[in-house]
Amino acid sequence: MYLKAGKKGDSEACNCAALLIERDNPVGAVDLYKRALELDERNTEAMVNMALLYYNKRDEQEWHLEAIQMMRRAALLGNKQAIEYLQDRGLFITLNNFVDPMEVSAAQTIAKATETGMMDSM
């Protein structure tokens, strides 16, 4: 049902379909999250879900950096879950004062995430 609605252009349906398949098919879930964001670039639920999937299913630092950037974008758009995740891990202080992954090296960002427990708890 969600897949059919997603194919017809429903961003939230793509997000829901991705949630349903991400455990067994994480690659397919990422494709659906990306489709959700193509349909609605402000779908913060898809951003948060994709960021969490990147943390939970990928070990490479570049995926973790991408997840931080996606979580930051969702927070800037007002997603409360993203704000809480970033605040809890010391990566977010105010809307105007982030540890910005674009301004520091990936290694520094990952070190900060590891230091604050973000890498272990996600």
PDB file of N, CA and C in Angstrom:
ATOM      1  N   MET A   1       0.817  -1.181   0.000  1.00  0.00           N
ATOM      2  CA  MET A   1       0.000   0.000   0.000  1.00  0.00           C
ATOM      3  C   MET A   1       0.871   1.259   0.000  1.00  0.00           C
ATOM      4  N   TYR A   2       1.868   1.318   0.923  1.00  0.00           N
ATOM      5  CA  TYR A   2       2.736   2.487   0.982  1.00  0.00           C
ATOM      6  C   TYR A   2       3.584   2.607  -0.283  1.00  0.00           C
ATOM      7  N   LEU A   3       4.036   1.456  -0.797  1.00  0.00           N
ATOM      8  CA  LEU A   3       4.849   1.495  -2.010  1.00  0.00           C
ATOM      9  C   LEU A   3       4.062   2.055  -3.177  1.00  0.00           C
ATOM     10  N   LYS A   4       2.801   1.635  -3.313  1.00  0.00           N
ATOM     11  CA  LYS A   4       1.966   2.157  -4.397  1.00  0.00           C
ATOM     12  C   LYS A   4       1.756   3.653  -4.259  1.00  0.00           C
ATOM     13  N   ALA A   5       1.477   4.104  -3.053  1.00  0.00           N
ATOM     14  CA  ALA A   5       1.280   5.538  -2.827  1.00  0.00           C
ATOM     15  C   ALA A   5       2.575   6.305  -3.079  1.00  0.00           C
ATOM     16  N   GLY A   6       3.701   5.717  -2.693  1.00  0.00           N
ATOM     17  CA  GLY A   6       4.989   6.349  -2.935  1.00  0.00           C
ATOM     18  C   GLY A   6       5.283   6.497  -4.413  1.00  0.00           C
ATOM     19  N   LYS A   7       4.941   5.474  -5.183  1.00  0.00           N
ATOM     20  CA  LYS A   7       5.149   5.532  -6.632  1.00  0.00           C
ATOM     21  C   LYS A   7       4.279   6.597  -7.276  1.00  0.00           C
ATOM     22  N   LYS A   8       3.174   6.926  -6.625  1.00  0.00           N
ATOM     23  CA  LYS A   8       2.280   7.967  -7.147  1.00  0.00           C
ATOM     24  C   LYS A   8       2.698   9.361  -6.694  1.00  0.00           C
ATOM     25  N   GLY A   9       3.786   9.444  -5.908  1.00  0.00           N
ATOM     26  CA  GLY A   9       4.298  10.746  -5.534  1.00  0.00           C
ATOM     27  C   GLY A   9       4.027  11.180  -4.106  1.00  0.00           C
ATOM     28  N   ASP A  10       3.741  10.250  -3.222  1.00  0.00           N
ATOM     29  CA  ASP A  10       3.472  10.582  -1.824  1.00  0.00           C
ATOM     30  C   ASP A  10       4.751  10.404  -1.005  1.00  0.00           C
ATOM     31  N   SER A  11       5.342  11.516  -0.589  1.00  0.00           N
ATOM     32  CA  SER A  11       6.599  11.492   0.154  1.00  0.00           C
ATOM     33  C   SER A  11       6.480  10.729   1.469  1.00  0.00           C
ATOM     34  N   GLU A  12       5.429  10.979   2.219  1.00  0.00           N
ATOM     35  CA  GLU A  12       5.271  10.321   3.514  1.00  0.00           C
ATOM     36  C   GLU A  12       5.053   8.816   3.345  1.00  0.00           C
ATOM     37  N   ALA A  13       4.399   8.414   2.269  1.00  0.00           N
ATOM     38  CA  ALA A  13       4.224   6.984   1.996  1.00  0.00           C
ATOM     39  C   ALA A  13       5.574   6.321   1.737  1.00  0.00           C
ATOM     40  N   CYS A  14       6.466   7.007   1.018  1.00  0.00           N
ATOM     41  CA  CYS A  14       7.821   6.472   0.808  1.00  0.00           C
ATOM     42  C   CYS A  14       8.542   6.313   2.135  1.00  0.00           C
ATOM     43  N   ASN A  15       8.406   7.305   3.016  1.00  0.00           N
ATOM     44  CA  ASN A  15       9.026   7.237   4.336  1.00  0.00           C
ATOM     45  C   ASN A  15       8.495   6.029   5.117  1.00  0.00           C
ATOM     46  N   CYS A  16       7.201   5.845   5.114  1.00  0.00           N
ATOM     47  CA  CYS A  16       6.600   4.711   5.841  1.00  0.00           C
ATOM     48  C   CYS A  16       7.024   3.373   5.249  1.00  0.00           C
ATOM     49  N   ALA A  17       7.060   3.288   3.916  1.00  0.00           N
ATOM     50  CA  ALA A  17       7.489   2.049   3.267  1.00  0.00           C
ATOM     51  C   ALA A  17       8.932   1.727   3.646  1.00  0.00           C
ATOM     52  N   ALA A  18       9.780   2.747   3.701  1.00  0.00           N
ATOM     53  CA  ALA A  18      11.178   2.542   4.075  1.00  0.00           C
ATOM     54  C   ALA A  18      11.283   2.016   5.498  1.00  0.00           C
ATOM     55  N   LEU A  19      10.495   2.569   6.402  1.00  0.00           N
ATOM     56  CA  LEU A  19      10.505   2.089   7.785  1.00  0.00           C
ATOM     57  C   LEU A  19      10.150   0.610   7.869  1.00  0.00           C
ATOM     58  N   LEU A  20       9.209   0.203   7.033  1.00  0.00           N
ATOM     59  CA  LEU A  20       8.756  -1.187   7.057  1.00  0.00           C
ATOM     60  C   LEU A  20       9.806  -2.170   6.545  1.00  0.00           C
ATOM     61  N   ILE A  21      10.663  -1.731   5.629  1.00  0.00           N
ATOM     62  CA  ILE A  21      11.616  -2.676   5.027  1.00  0.00           C
ATOM     63  C   ILE A  21      13.051  -2.494   5.502  1.00  0.00           C
ATOM     64  N   GLU A  22      13.331  -1.437   6.305  1.00  0.00           N
ATOM     65  CA  GLU A  22      14.740  -1.124   6.576  1.00  0.00           C
ATOM     66  C   GLU A  22      15.502  -2.228   7.304  1.00  0.00           C
ATOM     67  N   ARG A  23      14.856  -3.011   8.133  1.00  0.00           N
ATOM     68  CA  ARG A  23      15.566  -4.087   8.845  1.00  0.00           C
ATOM     69  C   ARG A  23      16.057  -5.158   7.876  1.00  0.00           C
ATOM     70  N   ASP A  24      15.207  -5.574   6.953  1.00  0.00           N
ATOM     71  CA  ASP A  24      15.560  -6.650   6.026  1.00  0.00           C
ATOM     72  C   ASP A  24      16.225  -6.153   4.746  1.00  0.00           C
ATOM     73  N   ASN A  25      15.989  -4.896   4.390  1.00  0.00           N
ATOM     74  CA  ASN A  25      16.508  -4.365   3.135  1.00  0.00           C
ATOM     75  C   ASN A  25      16.951  -2.911   3.326  1.00  0.00           C
ATOM     76  N   PRO A  26      18.066  -2.694   4.018  1.00  0.00           N
ATOM     77  CA  PRO A  26      18.492  -1.317   4.289  1.00  0.00           C
ATOM     78  C   PRO A  26      18.816  -0.519   3.028  1.00  0.00           C
ATOM     79  N   VAL A  27      19.330  -1.163   2.001  1.00  0.00           N
ATOM     80  CA  VAL A  27      19.639  -0.454   0.759  1.00  0.00           C
ATOM     81  C   VAL A  27      18.344   0.033   0.103  1.00  0.00           C
ATOM     82  N   GLY A  28      17.344  -0.832   0.077  1.00  0.00           N
ATOM     83  CA  GLY A  28      16.038  -0.437  -0.465  1.00  0.00           C
ATOM     84  C   GLY A  28      15.404   0.673   0.350  1.00  0.00           C
ATOM     85  N   ALA A  29      15.598   0.616   1.665  1.00  0.00           N
ATOM     86  CA  ALA A  29      15.056   1.667   2.537  1.00  0.00           C
ATOM     87  C   ALA A  29      15.709   3.006   2.239  1.00  0.00           C
ATOM     88  N   VAL A  30      17.021   3.017   2.050  1.00  0.00           N
ATOM     89  CA  VAL A  30      17.713   4.272   1.716  1.00  0.00           C
ATOM     90  C   VAL A  30      17.166   4.834   0.410  1.00  0.00           C
ATOM     91  N   ASP A  31      16.950   3.965  -0.574  1.00  0.00           N
ATOM     92  CA  ASP A  31      16.376   4.422  -1.847  1.00  0.00           C
ATOM     93  C   ASP A  31      15.008   5.070  -1.634  1.00  0.00           C
ATOM     94  N   LEU A  32      14.188   4.469  -0.761  1.00  0.00           N
ATOM     95  CA  LEU A  32      12.868   5.028  -0.483  1.00  0.00           C
ATOM     96  C   LEU A  32      12.961   6.341   0.286  1.00  0.00           C
ATOM     97  N   TYR A  33      13.892   6.445   1.234  1.00  0.00           N
ATOM     98  CA  TYR A  33      14.073   7.716   1.940  1.00  0.00           C
ATOM     99  C   TYR A  33      14.519   8.804   0.967  1.00  0.00           C
ATOM    100  N   LYS A  34      15.428   8.448   0.065  1.00  0.00           N
ATOM    101  CA  LYS A  34      15.869   9.419  -0.937  1.00  0.00           C
ATOM    102  C   LYS A  34      14.710   9.844  -1.837  1.00  0.00           C
ATOM    103  N   ARG A  35      13.867   8.885  -2.199  1.00  0.00           N
ATOM    104  CA  ARG A  35      12.683   9.202  -3.020  1.00  0.00           C
ATOM    105  C   ARG A  35      11.749  10.129  -2.247  1.00  0.00           C
ATOM    106  N   ALA A  36      11.563   9.860  -0.960  1.00  0.00           N
ATOM    107  CA  ALA A  36      10.715  10.718  -0.130  1.00  0.00           C
ATOM    108  C   ALA A  36      11.247  12.148  -0.134  1.00  0.00           C
ATOM    109  N   LEU A  37      12.562  12.291  -0.071  1.00  0.00           N
ATOM    110  CA  LEU A  37      13.170  13.624  -0.059  1.00  0.00           C
ATOM    111  C   LEU A  37      13.158  14.278  -1.435  1.00  0.00           C
ATOM    112  N   GLU A  38      13.164  13.483  -2.490  1.00  0.00           N
ATOM    113  CA  GLU A  38      12.991  14.046  -3.834  1.00  0.00           C
ATOM    114  C   GLU A  38      11.588  14.631  -3.975  1.00  0.00           C
ATOM    115  N   LEU A  39      10.618  13.933  -3.413  1.00  0.00           N
ATOM    116  CA  LEU A  39       9.223  14.381  -3.506  1.00  0.00           C
ATOM    117  C   LEU A  39       8.937  15.566  -2.589  1.00  0.00           C
ATOM    118  N   ASP A  40       9.607  15.591  -1.439  1.00  0.00           N
ATOM    119  CA  ASP A  40       9.414  16.679  -0.475  1.00  0.00           C
ATOM    120  C   ASP A  40      10.731  16.906   0.251  1.00  0.00           C
ATOM    121  N   GLU A  41      11.488  17.881  -0.188  1.00  0.00           N
ATOM    122  CA  GLU A  41      12.813  18.122   0.385  1.00  0.00           C
ATOM    123  C   GLU A  41      12.767  18.568   1.836  1.00  0.00           C
ATOM    124  N   ARG A  42      11.574  18.847   2.370  1.00  0.00           N
ATOM    125  CA  ARG A  42      11.425  19.258   3.764  1.00  0.00           C
ATOM    126  C   ARG A  42      10.825  18.151   4.633  1.00  0.00           C
ATOM    127  N   ASN A  43      10.839  16.923   4.155  1.00  0.00           N
ATOM    128  CA  ASN A  43      10.318  15.786   4.916  1.00  0.00           C
ATOM    129  C   ASN A  43      11.347  15.397   5.984  1.00  0.00           C
ATOM    130  N   THR A  44      11.236  16.035   7.126  1.00  0.00           N
ATOM    131  CA  THR A  44      12.231  15.835   8.180  1.00  0.00           C
ATOM    132  C   THR A  44      12.160  14.446   8.796  1.00  0.00           C
ATOM    133  N   GLU A  45      11.007  13.818   8.752  1.00  0.00           N
ATOM    134  CA  GLU A  45      10.901  12.447   9.273  1.00  0.00           C
ATOM    135  C   GLU A  45      11.777  11.510   8.446  1.00  0.00           C
ATOM    136  N   ALA A  46      11.751  11.673   7.129  1.00  0.00           N
ATOM    137  CA  ALA A  46      12.597  10.851   6.259  1.00  0.00           C
ATOM    138  C   ALA A  46      14.072  11.141   6.526  1.00  0.00           C
ATOM    139  N   MET A  47      14.410  12.401   6.776  1.00  0.00           N
ATOM    140  CA  MET A  47      15.799  12.764   7.078  1.00  0.00           C
ATOM    141  C   MET A  47      16.281  12.071   8.343  1.00  0.00           C
ATOM    142  N   VAL A  48      15.483  12.160   9.393  1.00  0.00           N
ATOM    143  CA  VAL A  48      15.860  11.546  10.673  1.00  0.00           C
ATOM    144  C   VAL A  48      15.965  10.034  10.529  1.00  0.00           C
ATOM    145  N   ASN A  49      14.987   9.430   9.885  1.00  0.00           N
ATOM    146  CA  ASN A  49      15.008   7.970   9.733  1.00  0.00           C
ATOM    147  C   ASN A  49      16.209   7.512   8.917  1.00  0.00           C
ATOM    148  N   MET A  50      16.533   8.238   7.854  1.00  0.00           N
ATOM    149  CA  MET A  50      17.679   7.859   7.038  1.00  0.00           C
ATOM    150  C   MET A  50      18.978   8.061   7.816  1.00  0.00           C
ATOM    151  N   ALA A  51      19.076   9.138   8.582  1.00  0.00           N
ATOM    152  CA  ALA A  51      20.270   9.378   9.396  1.00  0.00           C
ATOM    153  C   ALA A  51      20.469   8.246  10.405  1.00  0.00           C
ATOM    154  N   LEU A  52      19.403   7.839  11.065  1.00  0.00           N
ATOM    155  CA  LEU A  52      19.507   6.748  12.038  1.00  0.00           C
ATOM    156  C   LEU A  52      19.892   5.438  11.363  1.00  0.00           C
ATOM    157  N   LEU A  53      19.364   5.200  10.185  1.00  0.00           N
ATOM    158  CA  LEU A  53      19.720   3.991   9.438  1.00  0.00           C
ATOM    159  C   LEU A  53      21.206   4.013   9.072  1.00  0.00           C
ATOM    160  N   TYR A  54      21.716   5.164   8.654  1.00  0.00           N
ATOM    161  CA  TYR A  54      23.144   5.277   8.346  1.00  0.00           C
ATOM    162  C   TYR A  54      23.990   4.925   9.561  1.00  0.00           C
ATOM    163  N   TYR A  55      23.588   5.376  10.732  1.00  0.00           N
ATOM    164  CA  TYR A  55      24.344   5.063  11.947  1.00  0.00           C
ATOM    165  C   TYR A  55      24.249   3.597  12.318  1.00  0.00           C
ATOM    166  N   ASN A  56      23.073   3.045  12.199  1.00  0.00           N
ATOM    167  CA  ASN A  56      22.849   1.678  12.658  1.00  0.00           C
ATOM    168  C   ASN A  56      23.362   0.613  11.706  1.00  0.00           C
ATOM    169  N   LYS A  57      23.440   0.897  10.434  1.00  0.00           N
ATOM    170  CA  LYS A  57      23.795  -0.127   9.446  1.00  0.00           C
ATOM    171  C   LYS A  57      25.155   0.075   8.802  1.00  0.00           C
ATOM    172  N   ARG A  58      25.791   1.214   9.021  1.00  0.00           N
ATOM    173  CA  ARG A  58      27.063   1.491   8.365  1.00  0.00           C
ATOM    174  C   ARG A  58      28.131   1.803   9.400  1.00  0.00           C
ATOM    175  N   ASP A  59      29.325   1.314   9.177  1.00  0.00           N
ATOM    176  CA  ASP A  59      30.427   1.568  10.099  1.00  0.00           C
ATOM    177  C   ASP A  59      31.393   2.632   9.578  1.00  0.00           C
ATOM    178  N   GLU A  60      31.318   2.962   8.307  1.00  0.00           N
ATOM    179  CA  GLU A  60      32.271   3.891   7.724  1.00  0.00           C
ATOM    180  C   GLU A  60      32.022   5.308   8.221  1.00  0.00           C
ATOM    181  N   GLN A  61      33.094   6.047   8.490  1.00  0.00           N
ATOM    182  CA  GLN A  61      32.987   7.396   9.029  1.00  0.00           C
ATOM    183  C   GLN A  61      32.227   8.334   8.107  1.00  0.00           C
ATOM    184  N   GLU A  62      32.389   8.173   6.791  1.00  0.00           N
ATOM    185  CA  GLU A  62      31.694   9.092   5.879  1.00  0.00           C
ATOM    186  C   GLU A  62      30.173   8.944   5.982  1.00  0.00           C
ATOM    187  N   TRP A  63      29.705   7.730   6.296  1.00  0.00           N
ATOM    188  CA  TRP A  63      28.265   7.543   6.477  1.00  0.00           C
ATOM    189  C   TRP A  63      27.808   8.214   7.764  1.00  0.00           C
ATOM    190  N   HIS A  64      28.640   8.156   8.791  1.00  0.00           N
ATOM    191  CA  HIS A  64      28.284   8.799  10.047  1.00  0.00           C
ATOM    192  C   HIS A  64      28.286  10.315   9.890  1.00  0.00           C
ATOM    193  N   LEU A  65      29.225  10.852   9.124  1.00  0.00           N
ATOM    194  CA  LEU A  65      29.248  12.280   8.848  1.00  0.00           C
ATOM    195  C   LEU A  65      27.995  12.694   8.081  1.00  0.00           C
ATOM    196  N   GLU A  66      27.624  11.905   7.098  1.00  0.00           N
ATOM    197  CA  GLU A  66      26.397  12.175   6.328  1.00  0.00           C
ATOM    198  C   GLU A  66      25.174  12.161   7.253  1.00  0.00           C
ATOM    199  N   ALA A  67      25.154  11.231   8.192  1.00  0.00           N
ATOM    200  CA  ALA A  67      24.035  11.161   9.137  1.00  0.00           C
ATOM    201  C   ALA A  67      23.967  12.410  10.003  1.00  0.00           C
ATOM    202  N   ILE A  68      25.116  12.903  10.466  1.00  0.00           N
ATOM    203  CA  ILE A  68      25.138  14.127  11.266  1.00  0.00           C
ATOM    204  C   ILE A  68      24.621  15.300  10.445  1.00  0.00           C
ATOM    205  N   GLN A  69      25.054  15.391   9.199  1.00  0.00           N
ATOM    206  CA  GLN A  69      24.603  16.477   8.334  1.00  0.00           C
ATOM    207  C   GLN A  69      23.094  16.402   8.099  1.00  0.00           C
ATOM    208  N   MET A  70      22.583  15.191   7.885  1.00  0.00           N
ATOM    209  CA  MET A  70      21.152  15.020   7.656  1.00  0.00           C
ATOM    210  C   MET A  70      20.356  15.358   8.913  1.00  0.00           C
ATOM    211  N   MET A  71      20.865  14.940  10.068  1.00  0.00           N
ATOM    212  CA  MET A  71      20.196  15.233  11.335  1.00  0.00           C
ATOM    213  C   MET A  71      20.197  16.747  11.571  1.00  0.00           C
ATOM    214  N   ARG A  72      21.304  17.401  11.243  1.00  0.00           N
ATOM    215  CA  ARG A  72      21.410  18.851  11.389  1.00  0.00           C
ATOM    216  C   ARG A  72      20.378  19.553  10.504  1.00  0.00           C
ATOM    217  N   ARG A  73      20.260  19.093   9.279  1.00  0.00           N
ATOM    218  CA  ARG A  73      19.283  19.694   8.352  1.00  0.00           C
ATOM    219  C   ARG A  73      17.859  19.547   8.892  1.00  0.00           C
ATOM    220  N   ALA A  74      17.543  18.370   9.406  1.00  0.00           N
ATOM    221  CA  ALA A  74      16.213  18.143   9.978  1.00  0.00           C
ATOM    222  C   ALA A  74      15.978  19.056  11.180  1.00  0.00           C
ATOM    223  N   ALA A  75      17.016  19.234  12.002  1.00  0.00           N
ATOM    224  CA  ALA A  75      16.893  20.115  13.175  1.00  0.00           C
ATOM    225  C   ALA A  75      16.657  21.557  12.746  1.00  0.00           C
ATOM    226  N   LEU A  76      17.381  22.000  11.736  1.00  0.00           N
ATOM    227  CA  LEU A  76      17.197  23.367  11.240  1.00  0.00           C
ATOM    228  C   LEU A  76      15.785  23.606  10.712  1.00  0.00           C
ATOM    229  N   LEU A  77      15.174  22.529  10.235  1.00  0.00           N
ATOM    230  CA  LEU A  77      13.796  22.629   9.744  1.00  0.00           C
ATOM    231  C   LEU A  77      12.773  22.433  10.865  1.00  0.00           C
ATOM    232  N   GLY A  78      13.282  22.262  12.102  1.00  0.00           N
ATOM    233  CA  GLY A  78      12.387  22.225  13.255  1.00  0.00           C
ATOM    234  C   GLY A  78      11.993  20.855  13.764  1.00  0.00           C
ATOM    235  N   ASN A  79      12.609  19.790  13.268  1.00  0.00           N
ATOM    236  CA  ASN A  79      12.258  18.455  13.742  1.00  0.00           C
ATOM    237  C   ASN A  79      12.757  18.271  15.172  1.00  0.00           C
ATOM    238  N   LYS A  80      11.833  18.085  16.088  1.00  0.00           N
ATOM    239  CA  LYS A  80      12.175  17.992  17.511  1.00  0.00           C
ATOM    240  C   LYS A  80      13.030  16.781  17.833  1.00  0.00           C
ATOM    241  N   GLN A  81      12.783  15.654  17.185  1.00  0.00           N
ATOM    242  CA  GLN A  81      13.589  14.462  17.435  1.00  0.00           C
ATOM    243  C   GLN A  81      15.044  14.719  17.037  1.00  0.00           C
ATOM    244  N   ALA A  82      15.259  15.372  15.912  1.00  0.00           N
ATOM    245  CA  ALA A  82      16.623  15.678  15.466  1.00  0.00           C
ATOM    246  C   ALA A  82      17.300  16.630  16.438  1.00  0.00           C
ATOM    247  N   ILE A  83      16.581  17.642  16.891  1.00  0.00           N
ATOM    248  CA  ILE A  83      17.139  18.593  17.852  1.00  0.00           C
ATOM    249  C   ILE A  83      17.543  17.869  19.129  1.00  0.00           C
ATOM    250  N   GLU A  84      16.672  17.000  19.624  1.00  0.00           N
ATOM    251  CA  GLU A  84      16.970  16.257  20.862  1.00  0.00           C
ATOM    252  C   GLU A  84      18.179  15.349  20.693  1.00  0.00           C
ATOM    253  N   TYR A  85      18.272  14.631  19.570  1.00  0.00           N
ATOM    254  CA  TYR A  85      19.425  13.763  19.335  1.00  0.00           C
ATOM    255  C   TYR A  85      20.713  14.566  19.341  1.00  0.00           C
ATOM    256  N   LEU A  86      20.714  15.679  18.662  1.00  0.00           N
ATOM    257  CA  LEU A  86      21.927  16.477  18.576  1.00  0.00           C
ATOM    258  C   LEU A  86      22.261  17.134  19.913  1.00  0.00           C
ATOM    259  N   GLN A  87      21.266  17.614  20.613  1.00  0.00           N
ATOM    260  CA  GLN A  87      21.495  18.219  21.929  1.00  0.00           C
ATOM    261  C   GLN A  87      22.032  17.176  22.910  1.00  0.00           C
ATOM    262  N   ASP A  88      21.426  16.003  22.926  1.00  0.00           N
ATOM    263  CA  ASP A  88      21.839  14.947  23.856  1.00  0.00           C
ATOM    264  C   ASP A  88      23.285  14.517  23.637  1.00  0.00           C
ATOM    265  N   ARG A  89      23.781  14.705  22.446  1.00  0.00           N
ATOM    266  CA  ARG A  89      25.126  14.259  22.115  1.00  0.00           C
ATOM    267  C   ARG A  89      26.121  15.408  21.999  1.00  0.00           C
ATOM    268  N   GLY A  90      25.720  16.588  22.417  1.00  0.00           N
ATOM    269  CA  GLY A  90      26.626  17.725  22.422  1.00  0.00           C
ATOM    270  C   GLY A  90      26.972  18.259  21.045  1.00  0.00           C
ATOM    271  N   LEU A  91      26.193  17.895  20.045  1.00  0.00           N
ATOM    272  CA  LEU A  91      26.454  18.362  18.684  1.00  0.00           C
ATOM    273  C   LEU A  91      25.551  19.523  18.300  1.00  0.00           C
ATOM    274  N   PHE A  92      24.699  19.943  19.218  1.00  0.00           N
ATOM    275  CA  PHE A  92      23.745  21.006  18.933  1.00  0.00           C
ATOM    276  C   PHE A  92      23.585  21.829  20.197  1.00  0.00           C
ATOM    277  N   ILE A  93      23.764  23.118  20.074  1.00  0.00           N
ATOM    278  CA  ILE A  93      23.592  23.985  21.235  1.00  0.00           C
ATOM    279  C   ILE A  93      22.383  24.891  21.041  1.00  0.00           C
ATOM    280  N   THR A  94      22.358  25.632  19.962  1.00  0.00           N
ATOM    281  CA  THR A  94      21.189  26.437  19.601  1.00  0.00           C
ATOM    282  C   THR A  94      21.026  26.319  18.091  1.00  0.00           C
ATOM    283  N   LEU A  95      19.967  26.869  17.570  1.00  0.00           N
ATOM    284  CA  LEU A  95      19.763  26.805  16.115  1.00  0.00           C
ATOM    285  C   LEU A  95      20.905  27.466  15.357  1.00  0.00           C
ATOM    286  N   ASN A  96      21.591  28.399  15.980  1.00  0.00           N
ATOM    287  CA  ASN A  96      22.669  29.102  15.299  1.00  0.00           C
ATOM    288  C   ASN A  96      24.054  28.642  15.728  1.00  0.00           C
ATOM    289  N   ASN A  97      24.149  27.621  16.562  1.00  0.00           N
ATOM    290  CA  ASN A  97      25.448  27.221  17.094  1.00  0.00           C
ATOM    291  C   ASN A  97      25.593  25.700  17.071  1.00  0.00           C
ATOM    292  N   PHE A  98      25.843  25.158  15.898  1.00  0.00           N
ATOM    293  CA  PHE A  98      26.057  23.726  15.729  1.00  0.00           C
ATOM    294  C   PHE A  98      27.539  23.423  15.697  1.00  0.00           C
ATOM    295  N   VAL A  99      27.880  22.196  16.028  1.00  0.00           N
ATOM    296  CA  VAL A  99      29.164  21.668  15.601  1.00  0.00           C
ATOM    297  C   VAL A  99      28.919  21.302  14.147  1.00  0.00           C
ATOM    298  N   ASP A 100      29.383  22.136  13.252  1.00  0.00           N
ATOM    299  CA  ASP A 100      29.058  21.999  11.839  1.00  0.00           C
ATOM    300  C   ASP A 100      30.041  21.070  11.145  1.00  0.00           C
ATOM    301  N   PRO A 101      29.577  19.928  10.650  1.00  0.00           N
ATOM    302  CA  PRO A 101      30.466  18.993   9.977  1.00  0.00           C
ATOM    303  C   PRO A 101      31.147  19.593   8.748  1.00  0.00           C
ATOM    304  N   MET A 102      30.578  20.645   8.181  1.00  0.00           N
ATOM    305  CA  MET A 102      31.187  21.258   7.011  1.00  0.00           C
ATOM    306  C   MET A 102      32.362  22.158   7.388  1.00  0.00           C
ATOM    307  N   GLU A 103      32.450  22.558   8.642  1.00  0.00           N
ATOM    308  CA  GLU A 103      33.498  23.473   9.071  1.00  0.00           C
ATOM    309  C   GLU A 103      34.657  22.767   9.774  1.00  0.00           C
ATOM    310  N   VAL A 104      34.492  21.515  10.086  1.00  0.00           N
ATOM    311  CA  VAL A 104      35.567  20.757  10.716  1.00  0.00           C
ATOM    312  C   VAL A 104      35.786  19.488   9.918  1.00  0.00           C
ATOM    313  N   SER A 105      36.903  18.858  10.118  1.00  0.00           N
ATOM    314  CA  SER A 105      37.180  17.640   9.370  1.00  0.00           C
ATOM    315  C   SER A 105      36.251  16.515   9.820  1.00  0.00           C
ATOM    316  N   ALA A 106      36.106  15.543   8.971  1.00  0.00           N
ATOM    317  CA  ALA A 106      35.281  14.384   9.312  1.00  0.00           C
ATOM    318  C   ALA A 106      35.822  13.708  10.562  1.00  0.00           C
ATOM    319  N   ALA A 107      37.134  13.631  10.666  1.00  0.00           N
ATOM    320  CA  ALA A 107      37.735  12.979  11.833  1.00  0.00           C
ATOM    321  C   ALA A 107      37.392  13.724  13.112  1.00  0.00           C
ATOM    322  N   GLN A 108      37.420  15.058  13.083  1.00  0.00           N
ATOM    323  CA  GLN A 108      37.072  15.842  14.265  1.00  0.00           C
ATOM    324  C   GLN A 108      35.609  15.655  14.634  1.00  0.00           C
ATOM    325  N   THR A 109      34.739  15.629  13.633  1.00  0.00           N
ATOM    326  CA  THR A 109      33.313  15.457  13.890  1.00  0.00           C
ATOM    327  C   THR A 109      33.038  14.091  14.494  1.00  0.00           C
ATOM    328  N   ILE A 110      33.650  13.062  13.932  1.00  0.00           N
ATOM    329  CA  ILE A 110      33.454  11.716  14.450  1.00  0.00           C
ATOM    330  C   ILE A 110      34.039  11.605  15.857  1.00  0.00           C
ATOM    331  N   ALA A 111      35.179  12.246  16.086  1.00  0.00           N
ATOM    332  CA  ALA A 111      35.770  12.229  17.429  1.00  0.00           C
ATOM    333  C   ALA A 111      34.814  12.865  18.431  1.00  0.00           C
ATOM    334  N   LYS A 112      34.181  13.987  18.066  1.00  0.00           N
ATOM    335  CA  LYS A 112      33.221  14.650  18.949  1.00  0.00           C
ATOM    336  C   LYS A 112      32.016  13.736  19.179  1.00  0.00           C
ATOM    337  N   ALA A 113      31.536  13.098  18.132  1.00  0.00           N
ATOM    338  CA  ALA A 113      30.395  12.195  18.267  1.00  0.00           C
ATOM    339  C   ALA A 113      30.748  11.013  19.166  1.00  0.00           C
ATOM    340  N   THR A 114      31.954  10.485  19.021  1.00  0.00           N
ATOM    341  CA  THR A 114      32.394   9.369  19.856  1.00  0.00           C
ATOM    342  C   THR A 114      32.539   9.817  21.307  1.00  0.00           C
ATOM    343  N   GLU A 115      33.148  10.973  21.500  1.00  0.00           N
ATOM    344  CA  GLU A 115      33.358  11.521  22.845  1.00  0.00           C
ATOM    345  C   GLU A 115      32.046  11.721  23.588  1.00  0.00           C
ATOM    346  N   THR A 116      31.005  12.137  22.885  1.00  0.00           N
ATOM    347  CA  THR A 116      29.726  12.416  23.513  1.00  0.00           C
ATOM    348  C   THR A 116      28.825  11.189  23.584  1.00  0.00           C
ATOM    349  N   GLY A 117      29.299  10.065  23.033  1.00  0.00           N
ATOM    350  CA  GLY A 117      28.507   8.844  23.086  1.00  0.00           C
ATOM    351  C   GLY A 117      27.550   8.686  21.926  1.00  0.00           C
ATOM    352  N   MET A 118      27.562   9.613  20.978  1.00  0.00           N
ATOM    353  CA  MET A 118      26.631   9.536  19.860  1.00  0.00           C
ATOM    354  C   MET A 118      26.852   8.276  19.039  1.00  0.00           C
ATOM    355  N   MET A 119      28.099   7.899  18.834  1.00  0.00           N
ATOM    356  CA  MET A 119      28.403   6.738  18.006  1.00  0.00           C
ATOM    357  C   MET A 119      27.948   5.451  18.675  1.00  0.00           C
ATOM    358  N   ASP A 120      28.033   5.396  19.995  1.00  0.00           N
ATOM    359  CA  ASP A 120      27.680   4.176  20.712  1.00  0.00           C
ATOM    360  C   ASP A 120      26.184   3.995  20.903  1.00  0.00           C
ATOM    361  N   SER A 121      25.461   5.111  20.996  1.00  0.00           N
ATOM    362  CA  SER A 121      24.056   4.999  21.373  1.00  0.00           C
ATOM    363  C   SER A 121      23.097   5.025  20.195  1.00  0.00           C
ATOM    364  N   MET A 122      23.588   5.231  19.014  1.00  0.00           N
ATOM    365  CA  MET A 122      22.667   5.308  17.879  1.00  0.00           C
ATOM    366  C   MET A 122      22.574   3.991  17.163  1.00  0.00           C
TER     367      MET A 122
END
